[in-house]
Protein backbone atom coordinates (compact mmCIF):
# COMPACT_ATOMS: atom_id res chain seq x y z
CA UNK A 1 20.81 82.31 63.44
CA UNK A 2 17.78 81.08 65.37
CA UNK A 3 17.05 77.40 65.89
CA UNK A 4 14.16 75.96 63.96
CA UNK A 5 11.12 75.30 66.15
CA UNK A 6 9.65 71.83 66.34
CA UNK A 7 6.01 71.70 65.34
CA UNK A 8 3.96 69.70 67.82
CA UNK A 9 1.48 67.32 66.25
CA UNK A 10 -1.44 65.13 67.24
CA UNK A 11 -2.44 61.90 65.53
CA UNK A 12 -5.94 61.37 64.16
CA UNK A 13 -6.45 58.53 66.68
CA UNK A 14 -5.58 60.71 69.68
CA UNK A 15 -7.70 63.63 68.45
CA UNK A 16 -10.61 61.30 67.76
CA UNK A 17 -10.31 59.88 71.28
CA UNK A 18 -10.34 63.35 72.83
CA UNK A 19 -13.33 64.31 70.69
CA UNK A 20 -15.28 61.20 71.67
CA UNK A 21 -14.49 61.82 75.35
CA UNK A 22 -15.84 65.37 75.08
CA UNK A 23 -12.38 66.87 75.63
CA UNK A 24 -11.81 68.11 72.09
CA UNK A 25 -9.39 71.01 71.74
CA UNK A 26 -10.28 74.03 69.62
CA UNK A 27 -10.07 73.02 65.99
CA UNK A 28 -9.09 75.64 63.41
CA UNK A 29 -9.38 74.40 59.83
CA UNK A 30 -7.16 76.59 57.66
CA UNK A 31 -8.34 75.29 54.28
CA UNK A 32 -10.41 77.33 51.84
CA UNK A 33 -14.14 77.71 52.57
CA UNK A 34 -14.93 75.44 49.61
CA UNK A 35 -12.64 72.69 50.92
CA UNK A 36 -14.13 73.10 54.40
CA UNK A 37 -17.69 72.81 53.08
CA UNK A 38 -16.83 69.58 51.27
CA UNK A 39 -15.70 67.80 54.45
CA UNK A 40 -14.66 68.95 57.91
CA UNK A 41 -14.36 67.72 61.47
CA UNK A 42 -17.40 68.50 63.58
CA UNK A 43 -16.84 71.55 65.77
CA UNK A 44 -14.01 72.95 63.62
CA UNK A 45 -13.88 76.65 62.82
CA UNK A 46 -12.95 77.58 59.26
CA UNK A 47 -10.23 80.24 59.28
CA UNK A 48 -8.42 80.06 55.92
CA UNK A 49 -4.67 80.51 56.20
CA UNK A 50 -4.63 84.00 54.63
CA UNK A 51 -7.44 85.11 56.99
CA UNK A 52 -5.63 83.63 59.99
CA UNK A 53 -2.44 85.48 59.11
CA UNK A 54 -4.34 88.74 58.64
CA UNK A 55 -6.39 88.46 61.85
CA UNK A 56 -4.12 86.47 64.17
CA UNK A 57 -3.97 89.28 66.73
CA UNK A 58 -7.77 89.29 66.97
CA UNK A 59 -7.90 85.51 67.25
CA UNK A 60 -5.19 85.39 69.92
CA UNK A 61 -7.36 86.52 72.82
CA UNK A 62 -9.99 83.86 71.99
CA UNK A 63 -7.61 80.91 71.76
CA UNK A 64 -6.34 80.50 75.31
CA UNK A 65 -6.73 76.72 75.47
CA UNK A 66 -5.18 73.98 73.36
CA UNK A 67 -5.62 74.51 69.61
CA UNK A 68 -5.29 71.93 66.84
CA UNK A 69 -4.75 73.22 63.32
CA UNK A 70 -6.17 71.24 60.41
CA UNK A 71 -5.69 71.38 56.64
CA UNK A 72 -5.71 68.86 53.81
CA UNK A 73 -2.30 67.27 54.38
CA UNK A 74 -0.66 69.22 57.21
CA UNK A 75 1.42 71.77 55.26
CA UNK A 76 -0.88 74.81 55.56
CA UNK A 77 -1.56 73.89 59.19
CA UNK A 78 2.20 74.05 59.87
CA UNK A 79 2.30 77.52 58.30
CA UNK A 80 -0.66 78.57 60.47
CA UNK A 81 1.09 77.15 63.54
CA UNK A 82 4.16 79.24 62.79
CA UNK A 83 2.07 82.41 62.32
CA UNK A 84 0.18 81.90 65.61
CA UNK A 85 3.31 80.88 67.52
CA UNK A 86 5.09 84.03 66.31
CA UNK A 87 2.12 86.02 67.61
CA UNK A 88 2.62 84.42 71.04
CA UNK A 89 0.04 81.64 71.17
CA UNK A 90 1.20 78.53 73.05
CA UNK A 91 -0.51 75.11 73.08
CA UNK A 92 -0.61 74.67 69.30
CA UNK A 93 -0.62 71.33 67.54
CA UNK A 94 -1.06 70.23 63.94
CA UNK A 95 -3.22 67.27 62.93
CA UNK A 96 -0.75 64.74 61.49
CA UNK A 97 -1.57 64.12 57.85
CA UNK A 98 -4.50 66.57 57.98
CA UNK A 99 -7.96 65.68 56.71
CA UNK A 100 -6.44 63.04 54.43
CA UNK A 101 -5.22 61.07 57.46
CA UNK A 102 -8.39 61.83 59.46
CA UNK A 103 -10.62 60.38 56.75
CA UNK A 104 -8.28 57.44 56.07
CA UNK A 105 -8.54 56.56 59.77
CA UNK A 106 -12.32 56.36 59.34
CA UNK A 107 -12.96 59.27 61.68
CA UNK A 108 -16.31 61.06 61.29
CA UNK A 109 -16.65 64.13 59.08
CA UNK A 110 -19.43 66.55 58.25
CA UNK A 111 -19.94 66.39 54.49
CA UNK A 112 -21.20 69.02 52.11
CA UNK A 113 -21.29 69.21 48.31
CA UNK A 114 -18.51 67.19 46.68
CA UNK A 115 -15.73 69.17 45.02
CA UNK A 116 -12.50 68.13 43.45
CA UNK A 117 -9.61 68.87 45.76
CA UNK A 118 -7.00 71.35 44.59
CA UNK A 119 -4.37 68.73 43.80
CA UNK A 120 -6.76 66.95 41.43
CA UNK A 121 -7.66 70.23 39.73
CA UNK A 122 -3.97 71.07 39.24
CA UNK A 123 -3.34 67.63 37.72
CA UNK A 124 -6.29 68.11 35.33
CA UNK A 125 -5.24 71.60 34.19
CA UNK A 126 -1.53 70.79 33.93
CA UNK A 127 -2.17 67.51 32.13
CA UNK A 128 -4.61 69.16 29.73
CA UNK A 129 -2.10 71.90 28.88
CA UNK A 130 0.70 69.40 28.29
CA UNK A 131 -1.52 67.11 26.20
CA UNK A 132 -2.98 69.96 24.12
CA UNK A 133 0.34 71.69 23.46
CA UNK A 134 1.95 68.35 22.64
CA UNK A 135 -0.71 67.59 20.02
CA UNK A 136 -0.84 71.12 18.61
CA UNK A 137 2.97 71.13 18.58
CA UNK A 138 2.85 68.49 15.83
CA UNK A 139 1.42 71.13 13.51
CA UNK A 140 2.72 74.35 15.06
CA UNK A 141 6.43 74.31 15.88
CA UNK A 142 7.35 75.63 19.31
CA UNK A 143 3.93 75.23 20.99
CA UNK A 144 5.25 72.20 22.89
CA UNK A 145 7.41 74.63 24.91
CA UNK A 146 4.28 75.71 26.80
CA UNK A 147 3.98 72.14 28.08
CA UNK A 148 7.66 72.21 28.98
CA UNK A 149 7.09 75.41 31.00
CA UNK A 150 4.19 73.75 32.85
CA UNK A 151 6.43 70.77 33.62
CA UNK A 152 9.09 73.13 34.97
CA UNK A 153 6.46 74.85 37.11
CA UNK A 154 5.29 71.51 38.53
CA UNK A 155 8.89 70.53 39.29
CA UNK A 156 9.43 73.83 41.12
CA UNK A 157 6.12 73.33 42.96
CA UNK A 158 7.29 69.95 44.24
CA UNK A 159 10.73 71.22 45.28
CA UNK A 160 9.42 74.37 46.99
CA UNK A 161 6.23 72.75 48.36
CA UNK A 162 4.21 75.59 46.84
CA UNK A 163 2.00 75.70 43.79
CA UNK A 164 1.32 78.83 41.77
CA UNK A 165 -1.26 77.01 39.66
CA UNK A 166 -3.07 75.91 42.83
CA UNK A 167 -3.10 79.50 44.08
CA UNK A 168 -4.56 80.69 40.77
CA UNK A 169 -7.18 77.92 40.69
CA UNK A 170 -8.18 78.68 44.30
CA UNK A 171 -9.31 82.13 43.15
CA UNK A 172 -11.98 80.70 40.83
CA UNK A 173 -15.56 81.10 42.13
CA UNK A 174 -15.95 77.31 42.21
CA UNK A 175 -13.13 77.04 44.74
CA UNK A 176 -13.79 80.11 46.85
CA UNK A 177 -17.10 79.22 48.42
CA UNK A 178 -18.56 81.65 50.93
CA UNK A 179 -16.06 84.10 52.39
CA UNK A 180 -15.06 83.50 56.00
CA UNK A 181 -16.31 86.30 58.24
CA UNK A 182 -13.77 86.68 61.04
CA UNK A 183 -16.28 88.37 63.37
CA UNK A 184 -18.55 85.31 63.09
CA UNK A 185 -15.61 83.01 63.89
CA UNK A 186 -14.65 85.13 66.91
CA UNK A 187 -18.28 85.20 68.11
CA UNK A 188 -18.34 81.41 67.87
CA UNK A 189 -15.06 81.10 69.77
CA UNK A 190 -16.40 83.45 72.46
CA UNK A 191 -19.65 81.50 72.78
CA UNK A 192 -17.88 78.18 73.35
CA UNK A 193 -15.19 79.53 75.70
């Protein structure tokens, strides 16, 4: 049985200091393109987690310096760190608390069109299903069980730190945004090397 690796992290304050001093590490934002367009750290490259996993070998040769991985809260960035570390990339860190912590610290962000974050969308859809099935269940016996199933799914999502509803919602056109072109990302990494 192998020992669990410790994920190295960097605080928003330290990253902001490095950025302001002109010593910013490479920033890979592993959120969806829509999330990235809403708000991101200046100079970050958007490489969604699924794209990073698929193209990590191609990215490897262009990430020879320190890399900081960014997502909304830190969870997807940890998954990206594991994928890149398994591929042999050293010098990886995860932004502690992700964009949530970065923005809470008052650090600067590039803003685009406002969108609801995925957690808020999940709360809206899950709450609407539970409310609707609860009300319809007054007239139609058994419909309330749909709401019970949603509640079970949310409980599992919390325990497993995954969310099937979030994955499904992320596939909607509203949440996809423009597709990340890996060759454009690599060209950008090459140009700033």
